[in-house]
Protein backbone atom coordinates (compact mmCIF):
# COMPACT_ATOMS: atom_id res chain seq x y z
CA MET A 1 -19.78 4.90 14.55
CA ARG A 2 -16.21 4.17 13.12
CA LYS A 3 -16.16 7.56 11.41
CA PHE A 4 -17.25 9.35 14.53
CA ALA A 5 -14.24 7.65 16.34
CA HIS A 6 -11.94 9.12 13.83
CA PHE A 7 -13.38 12.60 14.06
CA SER A 8 -13.57 12.70 17.80
CA THR A 9 -10.11 11.26 18.46
CA TYR A 10 -8.51 13.86 16.20
CA PHE A 11 -10.80 16.62 17.63
CA ILE A 12 -9.24 15.84 21.02
CA LEU A 13 -5.82 15.72 19.62
CA GLY A 14 -6.14 18.86 17.62
CA MET A 15 -7.38 20.77 20.67
CA ALA A 16 -4.78 19.39 23.05
CA TRP A 17 -1.89 20.26 20.53
CA TYR A 18 -3.31 23.73 19.87
CA MET A 19 -3.54 24.52 23.65
CA ALA A 20 0.02 23.27 24.33
CA ILE A 21 1.58 25.11 21.37
CA HIS A 22 -0.21 28.14 22.04
CA LYS A 23 0.85 28.34 25.61
CA GLN A 24 4.42 28.00 24.46
CA LEU A 25 4.36 30.36 21.35
CA GLY A 26 1.77 32.83 22.35
CA ASN A 27 0.73 33.37 18.76
CA TRP A 28 -2.81 31.88 18.09
CA PHE A 29 -2.38 31.78 14.30
CA ILE A 30 0.88 29.88 14.16
CA ALA A 31 -0.28 27.66 17.06
CA ALA A 32 -3.43 26.82 15.13
CA PHE A 33 -1.73 25.98 11.91
CA ILE A 34 1.01 23.92 13.44
CA ALA A 35 -1.52 21.91 15.64
CA TRP A 36 -3.85 21.31 12.58
CA GLN A 37 -0.83 20.28 10.44
CA ALA A 38 0.67 18.10 13.07
CA ALA A 39 -2.68 16.17 13.58
CA THR A 40 -3.10 15.83 9.76
CA GLY A 41 0.39 14.53 9.53
CA TYR A 42 -0.16 12.07 12.33
CA ALA A 43 -3.35 10.79 10.68
CA GLY A 44 -1.38 10.29 7.46
CA LEU A 45 1.33 8.43 9.28
CA ASP A 46 -1.44 6.23 11.05
CA GLU A 47 -2.87 5.42 7.59
CA PHE A 48 0.59 4.52 6.21
CA HIS A 49 0.89 2.23 9.27
CA GLN A 50 -2.33 0.59 8.39
CA SER A 51 -1.03 -0.23 4.87
CA LEU A 52 1.77 -2.16 6.55
CA THR A 53 -0.53 -4.07 8.78
CA GLY A 54 -2.31 -7.14 7.60
CA GLY A 55 -6.09 -7.06 7.59
CA ARG A 56 -6.40 -3.28 7.57
CA SER A 57 -6.69 -0.93 4.53
CA PRO A 58 -5.63 2.68 4.56
CA MET A 59 -8.09 5.16 3.34
CA PHE A 60 -7.52 8.82 2.28
CA ALA A 61 -11.02 9.59 3.42
CA ASP A 62 -10.07 8.65 6.91
CA VAL A 63 -7.12 11.13 6.91
CA MET A 64 -9.47 13.86 5.62
CA LEU A 65 -12.03 13.14 8.34
CA ASP A 66 -9.20 13.13 10.90
CA SER A 67 -7.94 16.39 9.58
CA ALA A 68 -11.48 17.83 9.66
CA GLY A 69 -11.86 16.84 13.27
CA ALA A 70 -8.63 18.39 14.23
CA LEU A 71 -9.36 21.65 12.31
CA THR A 72 -12.82 21.90 14.04
CA ALA A 73 -11.43 21.66 17.35
CA VAL A 74 -8.70 24.21 16.60
CA ILE A 75 -11.22 26.68 15.24
CA LEU A 76 -13.73 26.24 18.09
CA THR A 77 -10.78 26.60 20.70
CA VAL A 78 -9.61 29.73 19.07
CA VAL A 79 -13.22 31.23 19.01
CA ILE A 80 -13.82 30.20 22.62
CA GLN A 81 -10.62 31.77 23.77
CA ALA A 82 -11.40 34.96 21.95
CA ILE A 83 -14.79 35.20 23.52
CA TRP A 84 -13.34 34.41 26.90
CA ARG A 85 -10.68 37.18 26.52
CA ARG A 86 -13.35 39.65 25.34
CA ILE A 87 -15.67 38.86 28.40
CA HIS A 88 -12.69 38.98 30.98
CA ALA A 89 -10.95 42.00 29.53
């Protein structure tokens, strides 16, 4: 359950960042890369913060899981947008 929370939280974060950045830049590839990297960076900072907090232990596997959640969201959003544009073109 805890691993699902990691994945789903960063899934939502990655999707939200992609949609916001894509709206500003207009370039899907750059927006996807920035959104994924931003979510991964945030996950790394979160784990670093855990290392400073008593009773919690940072885990690199959590960063990878968070990054995978964000990347999955970004890829799905790009694919859905492409299909949507093709249907409504």
